[in-house]
Amino acid sequence: MTVEVPCPTCRKTLKYDPANPHRPFCSERCRLIDLGEWASESHRIAGKPAAEELLSDDLPPSDERPH
């Protein structure tokens, strides 16, 4: 049984099938558009930036950390 899903980029309906090398996208073009949006930071995952997580108050001051 194959499931039909919308392409995340162009919303075209496609079969989510192992025979499609670009799944979940309908084409290489849509896959590259999505990759470019992540690279330009148009897409983001909610939450604190990684740098803020690393510099949280849970860590000891830098002069007390082992080198």
PDB file of N, CA and C in Angstrom:
ATOM      1  N   MET A   1       0.843  -1.186   0.000  1.00  0.00           N
ATOM      2  CA  MET A   1       0.000   0.000   0.000  1.00  0.00           C
ATOM      3  C   MET A   1       0.886   1.247   0.000  1.00  0.00           C
ATOM      4  N   THR A   2       0.636   2.161  -0.896  1.00  0.00           N
ATOM      5  CA  THR A   2       1.379   3.415  -0.908  1.00  0.00           C
ATOM      6  C   THR A   2       0.487   4.532  -0.399  1.00  0.00           C
ATOM      7  N   VAL A   3       1.098   5.470   0.246  1.00  0.00           N
ATOM      8  CA  VAL A   3       0.394   6.616   0.812  1.00  0.00           C
ATOM      9  C   VAL A   3       0.667   7.819  -0.066  1.00  0.00           C
ATOM     10  N   GLU A   4      -0.354   8.644  -0.286  1.00  0.00           N
ATOM     11  CA  GLU A   4      -0.163   9.881  -1.032  1.00  0.00           C
ATOM     12  C   GLU A   4       0.029  11.026  -0.053  1.00  0.00           C
ATOM     13  N   VAL A   5       1.038  11.828  -0.306  1.00  0.00           N
ATOM     14  CA  VAL A   5       1.377  12.958   0.561  1.00  0.00           C
ATOM     15  C   VAL A   5       1.663  14.181  -0.301  1.00  0.00           C
ATOM     16  N   PRO A   6       1.533  15.385   0.261  1.00  0.00           N
ATOM     17  CA  PRO A   6       1.902  16.578  -0.501  1.00  0.00           C
ATOM     18  C   PRO A   6       3.406  16.822  -0.416  1.00  0.00           C
ATOM     19  N   CYS A   7       3.993  17.268  -1.505  1.00  0.00           N
ATOM     20  CA  CYS A   7       5.400  17.665  -1.499  1.00  0.00           C
ATOM     21  C   CYS A   7       5.534  18.849  -0.536  1.00  0.00           C
ATOM     22  N   PRO A   8       6.498  18.837   0.381  1.00  0.00           N
ATOM     23  CA  PRO A   8       6.649  19.940   1.331  1.00  0.00           C
ATOM     24  C   PRO A   8       6.944  21.288   0.666  1.00  0.00           C
ATOM     25  N   THR A   9       7.462  21.276  -0.550  1.00  0.00           N
ATOM     26  CA  THR A   9       7.823  22.525  -1.219  1.00  0.00           C
ATOM     27  C   THR A   9       6.702  23.052  -2.100  1.00  0.00           C
ATOM     28  N   CYS A  10       6.248  22.242  -3.057  1.00  0.00           N
ATOM     29  CA  CYS A  10       5.268  22.730  -4.037  1.00  0.00           C
ATOM     30  C   CYS A  10       3.849  22.253  -3.762  1.00  0.00           C
ATOM     31  N   ARG A  11       3.661  21.371  -2.790  1.00  0.00           N
ATOM     32  CA  ARG A  11       2.373  20.829  -2.377  1.00  0.00           C
ATOM     33  C   ARG A  11       1.744  19.876  -3.393  1.00  0.00           C
ATOM     34  N   LYS A  12       2.458  19.512  -4.455  1.00  0.00           N
ATOM     35  CA  LYS A  12       1.967  18.541  -5.431  1.00  0.00           C
ATOM     36  C   LYS A  12       1.805  17.195  -4.730  1.00  0.00           C
ATOM     37  N   THR A  13       0.710  16.493  -4.999  1.00  0.00           N
ATOM     38  CA  THR A  13       0.471  15.185  -4.399  1.00  0.00           C
ATOM     39  C   THR A  13       1.367  14.146  -5.062  1.00  0.00           C
ATOM     40  N   LEU A  14       2.010  13.314  -4.239  1.00  0.00           N
ATOM     41  CA  LEU A  14       2.869  12.264  -4.768  1.00  0.00           C
ATOM     42  C   LEU A  14       2.727  11.023  -3.918  1.00  0.00           C
ATOM     43  N   LYS A  15       3.105   9.894  -4.478  1.00  0.00           N
ATOM     44  CA  LYS A  15       3.091   8.644  -3.734  1.00  0.00           C
ATOM     45  C   LYS A  15       4.374   8.560  -2.921  1.00  0.00           C
ATOM     46  N   TYR A  16       4.223   8.341  -1.624  1.00  0.00           N
ATOM     47  CA  TYR A  16       5.386   8.159  -0.747  1.00  0.00           C
ATOM     48  C   TYR A  16       5.832   6.712  -0.924  1.00  0.00           C
ATOM     49  N   ASP A  17       6.729   6.525  -1.850  1.00  0.00           N
ATOM     50  CA  ASP A  17       7.104   5.198  -2.307  1.00  0.00           C
ATOM     51  C   ASP A  17       8.630   5.088  -2.348  1.00  0.00           C
ATOM     52  N   PRO A  18       9.201   3.966  -1.912  1.00  0.00           N
ATOM     53  CA  PRO A  18      10.652   3.793  -1.972  1.00  0.00           C
ATOM     54  C   PRO A  18      11.228   3.966  -3.375  1.00  0.00           C
ATOM     55  N   ALA A  19      10.396   3.827  -4.404  1.00  0.00           N
ATOM     56  CA  ALA A  19      10.878   4.001  -5.775  1.00  0.00           C
ATOM     57  C   ALA A  19      11.163   5.474  -6.095  1.00  0.00           C
ATOM     58  N   ASN A  20      10.651   6.389  -5.282  1.00  0.00           N
ATOM     59  CA  ASN A  20      10.899   7.822  -5.484  1.00  0.00           C
ATOM     60  C   ASN A  20      12.162   8.208  -4.708  1.00  0.00           C
ATOM     61  N   PRO A  21      13.274   8.450  -5.382  1.00  0.00           N
ATOM     62  CA  PRO A  21      14.526   8.755  -4.673  1.00  0.00           C
ATOM     63  C   PRO A  21      14.516  10.125  -3.991  1.00  0.00           C
ATOM     64  N   HIS A  22      13.523  10.956  -4.275  1.00  0.00           N
ATOM     65  CA  HIS A  22      13.478  12.309  -3.709  1.00  0.00           C
ATOM     66  C   HIS A  22      12.490  12.440  -2.551  1.00  0.00           C
ATOM     67  N   ARG A  23      11.812  11.335  -2.208  1.00  0.00           N
ATOM     68  CA  ARG A  23      10.771  11.442  -1.194  1.00  0.00           C
ATOM     69  C   ARG A  23      11.312  12.056   0.084  1.00  0.00           C
ATOM     70  N   PRO A  24      10.628  12.899   0.771  1.00  0.00           N
ATOM     71  CA  PRO A  24       9.220  13.238   0.627  1.00  0.00           C
ATOM     72  C   PRO A  24       8.937  14.312  -0.426  1.00  0.00           C
ATOM     73  N   PHE A  25       9.933  14.679  -1.192  1.00  0.00           N
ATOM     74  CA  PHE A  25       9.753  15.702  -2.234  1.00  0.00           C
ATOM     75  C   PHE A  25       9.371  15.039  -3.550  1.00  0.00           C
ATOM     76  N   CYS A  26       8.771  15.836  -4.450  1.00  0.00           N
ATOM     77  CA  CYS A  26       8.356  15.276  -5.734  1.00  0.00           C
ATOM     78  C   CYS A  26       9.507  15.250  -6.731  1.00  0.00           C
ATOM     79  N   SER A  27      10.544  16.058  -6.501  1.00  0.00           N
ATOM     80  CA  SER A  27      11.635  16.144  -7.473  1.00  0.00           C
ATOM     81  C   SER A  27      12.911  16.637  -6.805  1.00  0.00           C
ATOM     82  N   GLU A  28      14.002  16.520  -7.525  1.00  0.00           N
ATOM     83  CA  GLU A  28      15.300  17.046  -7.065  1.00  0.00           C
ATOM     84  C   GLU A  28      15.212  18.562  -6.873  1.00  0.00           C
ATOM     85  N   ARG A  29      14.506  19.226  -7.777  1.00  0.00           N
ATOM     86  CA  ARG A  29      14.351  20.686  -7.694  1.00  0.00           C
ATOM     87  C   ARG A  29      13.719  21.088  -6.354  1.00  0.00           C
ATOM     88  N   CYS A  30      12.605  20.443  -5.983  1.00  0.00           N
ATOM     89  CA  CYS A  30      11.935  20.777  -4.721  1.00  0.00           C
ATOM     90  C   CYS A  30      12.825  20.449  -3.522  1.00  0.00           C
ATOM     91  N   ARG A  31      13.575  19.359  -3.597  1.00  0.00           N
ATOM     92  CA  ARG A  31      14.495  18.987  -2.519  1.00  0.00           C
ATOM     93  C   ARG A  31      15.561  20.059  -2.331  1.00  0.00           C
ATOM     94  N   LEU A  32      16.104  20.569  -3.440  1.00  0.00           N
ATOM     95  CA  LEU A  32      17.148  21.597  -3.360  1.00  0.00           C
ATOM     96  C   LEU A  32      16.592  22.943  -2.900  1.00  0.00           C
ATOM     97  N   ILE A  33      15.374  23.263  -3.277  1.00  0.00           N
ATOM     98  CA  ILE A  33      14.735  24.496  -2.789  1.00  0.00           C
ATOM     99  C   ILE A  33      14.625  24.433  -1.269  1.00  0.00           C
ATOM    100  N   ASP A  34      14.166  23.295  -0.751  1.00  0.00           N
ATOM    101  CA  ASP A  34      14.030  23.124   0.694  1.00  0.00           C
ATOM    102  C   ASP A  34      15.385  23.222   1.389  1.00  0.00           C
ATOM    103  N   LEU A  35      16.395  22.575   0.831  1.00  0.00           N
ATOM    104  CA  LEU A  35      17.745  22.644   1.395  1.00  0.00           C
ATOM    105  C   LEU A  35      18.232  24.088   1.454  1.00  0.00           C
ATOM    106  N   GLY A  36      17.994  24.847   0.396  1.00  0.00           N
ATOM    107  CA  GLY A  36      18.394  26.251   0.360  1.00  0.00           C
ATOM    108  C   GLY A  36      17.682  27.077   1.418  1.00  0.00           C
ATOM    109  N   GLU A  37      16.421  26.764   1.697  1.00  0.00           N
ATOM    110  CA  GLU A  37      15.682  27.501   2.727  1.00  0.00           C
ATOM    111  C   GLU A  37      16.252  27.218   4.108  1.00  0.00           C
ATOM    112  N   TRP A  38      16.689  25.974   4.361  1.00  0.00           N
ATOM    113  CA  TRP A  38      17.347  25.672   5.636  1.00  0.00           C
ATOM    114  C   TRP A  38      18.695  26.396   5.713  1.00  0.00           C
ATOM    115  N   ALA A  39      19.448  26.385   4.619  1.00  0.00           N
ATOM    116  CA  ALA A  39      20.776  27.017   4.604  1.00  0.00           C
ATOM    117  C   ALA A  39      20.690  28.521   4.820  1.00  0.00           C
ATOM    118  N   SER A  40      19.641  29.148   4.296  1.00  0.00           N
ATOM    119  CA  SER A  40      19.485  30.602   4.465  1.00  0.00           C
ATOM    120  C   SER A  40      18.751  30.950   5.753  1.00  0.00           C
ATOM    121  N   GLU A  41      18.435  29.933   6.548  1.00  0.00           N
ATOM    122  CA  GLU A  41      17.744  30.069   7.828  1.00  0.00           C
ATOM    123  C   GLU A  41      16.320  30.588   7.681  1.00  0.00           C
ATOM    124  N   SER A  42      15.696  30.352   6.514  1.00  0.00           N
ATOM    125  CA  SER A  42      14.272  30.648   6.362  1.00  0.00           C
ATOM    126  C   SER A  42      13.451  29.642   7.162  1.00  0.00           C
ATOM    127  N   HIS A  43      13.947  28.409   7.279  1.00  0.00           N
ATOM    128  CA  HIS A  43      13.345  27.382   8.122  1.00  0.00           C
ATOM    129  C   HIS A  43      14.153  27.327   9.403  1.00  0.00           C
ATOM    130  N   ARG A  44      13.446  27.199  10.518  1.00  0.00           N
ATOM    131  CA  ARG A  44      14.136  27.087  11.806  1.00  0.00           C
ATOM    132  C   ARG A  44      13.386  26.122  12.699  1.00  0.00           C
ATOM    133  N   ILE A  45      14.084  25.515  13.622  1.00  0.00           N
ATOM    134  CA  ILE A  45      13.467  24.671  14.636  1.00  0.00           C
ATOM    135  C   ILE A  45      13.305  25.531  15.878  1.00  0.00           C
ATOM    136  N   ALA A  46      12.115  25.506  16.464  1.00  0.00           N
ATOM    137  CA  ALA A  46      11.821  26.338  17.627  1.00  0.00           C
ATOM    138  C   ALA A  46      12.744  25.986  18.787  1.00  0.00           C
ATOM    139  N   GLY A  47      13.109  26.985  19.560  1.00  0.00           N
ATOM    140  CA  GLY A  47      13.944  26.780  20.741  1.00  0.00           C
ATOM    141  C   GLY A  47      15.091  27.765  20.774  1.00  0.00           C
ATOM    142  N   LYS A  48      15.866  27.661  21.829  1.00  0.00           N
ATOM    143  CA  LYS A  48      17.022  28.537  21.970  1.00  0.00           C
ATOM    144  C   LYS A  48      18.097  28.153  20.961  1.00  0.00           C
ATOM    145  N   PRO A  49      18.848  29.122  20.463  1.00  0.00           N
ATOM    146  CA  PRO A  49      19.996  28.779  19.620  1.00  0.00           C
ATOM    147  C   PRO A  49      20.985  27.916  20.419  1.00  0.00           C
ATOM    148  N   ALA A  50      21.707  27.079  19.740  1.00  0.00           N
ATOM    149  CA  ALA A  50      22.642  26.159  20.395  1.00  0.00           C
ATOM    150  C   ALA A  50      23.651  26.902  21.276  1.00  0.00           C
ATOM    151  N   ALA A  51      24.114  28.070  20.839  1.00  0.00           N
ATOM    152  CA  ALA A  51      25.086  28.832  21.631  1.00  0.00           C
ATOM    153  C   ALA A  51      24.496  29.206  22.993  1.00  0.00           C
ATOM    154  N   GLU A  52      23.218  29.564  23.021  1.00  0.00           N
ATOM    155  CA  GLU A  52      22.592  29.903  24.299  1.00  0.00           C
ATOM    156  C   GLU A  52      22.484  28.675  25.195  1.00  0.00           C
ATOM    157  N   GLU A  53      22.185  27.532  24.606  1.00  0.00           N
ATOM    158  CA  GLU A  53      22.106  26.295  25.377  1.00  0.00           C
ATOM    159  C   GLU A  53      23.457  25.982  26.005  1.00  0.00           C
ATOM    160  N   LEU A  54      24.530  26.169  25.263  1.00  0.00           N
ATOM    161  CA  LEU A  54      25.865  25.878  25.772  1.00  0.00           C
ATOM    162  C   LEU A  54      26.295  26.849  26.853  1.00  0.00           C
ATOM    163  N   LEU A  55      25.777  28.062  26.805  1.00  0.00           N
ATOM    164  CA  LEU A  55      26.171  29.083  27.766  1.00  0.00           C
ATOM    165  C   LEU A  55      25.139  29.261  28.874  1.00  0.00           C
ATOM    166  N   SER A  56      24.350  28.231  29.148  1.00  0.00           N
ATOM    167  CA  SER A  56      23.300  28.331  30.151  1.00  0.00           C
ATOM    168  C   SER A  56      23.899  28.460  31.547  1.00  0.00           C
ATOM    169  N   ASP A  57      23.048  28.835  32.477  1.00  0.00           N
ATOM    170  CA  ASP A  57      23.483  29.014  33.874  1.00  0.00           C
ATOM    171  C   ASP A  57      23.838  27.696  34.549  1.00  0.00           C
ATOM    172  N   ASP A  58      23.530  26.573  33.915  1.00  0.00           N
ATOM    173  CA  ASP A  58      23.831  25.274  34.512  1.00  0.00           C
ATOM    174  C   ASP A  58      25.325  24.962  34.506  1.00  0.00           C
ATOM    175  N   LEU A  59      26.084  25.658  33.700  1.00  0.00           N
ATOM    176  CA  LEU A  59      27.523  25.400  33.606  1.00  0.00           C
ATOM    177  C   LEU A  59      28.283  26.263  34.607  1.00  0.00           C
ATOM    178  N   PRO A  60      29.376  25.744  35.140  1.00  0.00           N
ATOM    179  CA  PRO A  60      30.192  26.583  36.031  1.00  0.00           C
ATOM    180  C   PRO A  60      30.876  27.690  35.219  1.00  0.00           C
ATOM    181  N   PRO A  61      31.285  28.761  35.879  1.00  0.00           N
ATOM    182  CA  PRO A  61      32.005  29.826  35.165  1.00  0.00           C
ATOM    183  C   PRO A  61      33.217  29.256  34.434  1.00  0.00           C
ATOM    184  N   SER A  62      33.594  29.881  33.348  1.00  0.00           N
ATOM    185  CA  SER A  62      34.668  29.351  32.494  1.00  0.00           C
ATOM    186  C   SER A  62      35.977  29.172  33.244  1.00  0.00           C
ATOM    187  N   ASP A  63      36.272  29.997  34.248  1.00  0.00           N
ATOM    188  CA  ASP A  63      37.540  29.850  34.970  1.00  0.00           C
ATOM    189  C   ASP A  63      37.520  28.644  35.912  1.00  0.00           C
ATOM    190  N   GLU A  64      36.341  28.048  36.150  1.00  0.00           N
ATOM    191  CA  GLU A  64      36.236  26.874  37.011  1.00  0.00           C
ATOM    192  C   GLU A  64      36.132  25.573  36.212  1.00  0.00           C
ATOM    193  N   ARG A  65      36.038  25.672  34.888  1.00  0.00           N
ATOM    194  CA  ARG A  65      35.916  24.489  34.047  1.00  0.00           C
ATOM    195  C   ARG A  65      37.278  23.879  33.779  1.00  0.00           C
ATOM    196  N   PRO A  66      37.333  22.530  33.683  1.00  0.00           N
ATOM    197  CA  PRO A  66      38.627  21.900  33.343  1.00  0.00           C
ATOM    198  C   PRO A  66      39.039  22.280  31.929  1.00  0.00           C
ATOM    199  N   HIS A  67      40.319  22.334  31.689  1.00  0.00           N
ATOM    200  CA  HIS A  67      40.841  22.718  30.359  1.00  0.00           C
ATOM    201  C   HIS A  67      41.100  21.530  29.520  1.00  0.00           C
TER     202      HIS A  67
END
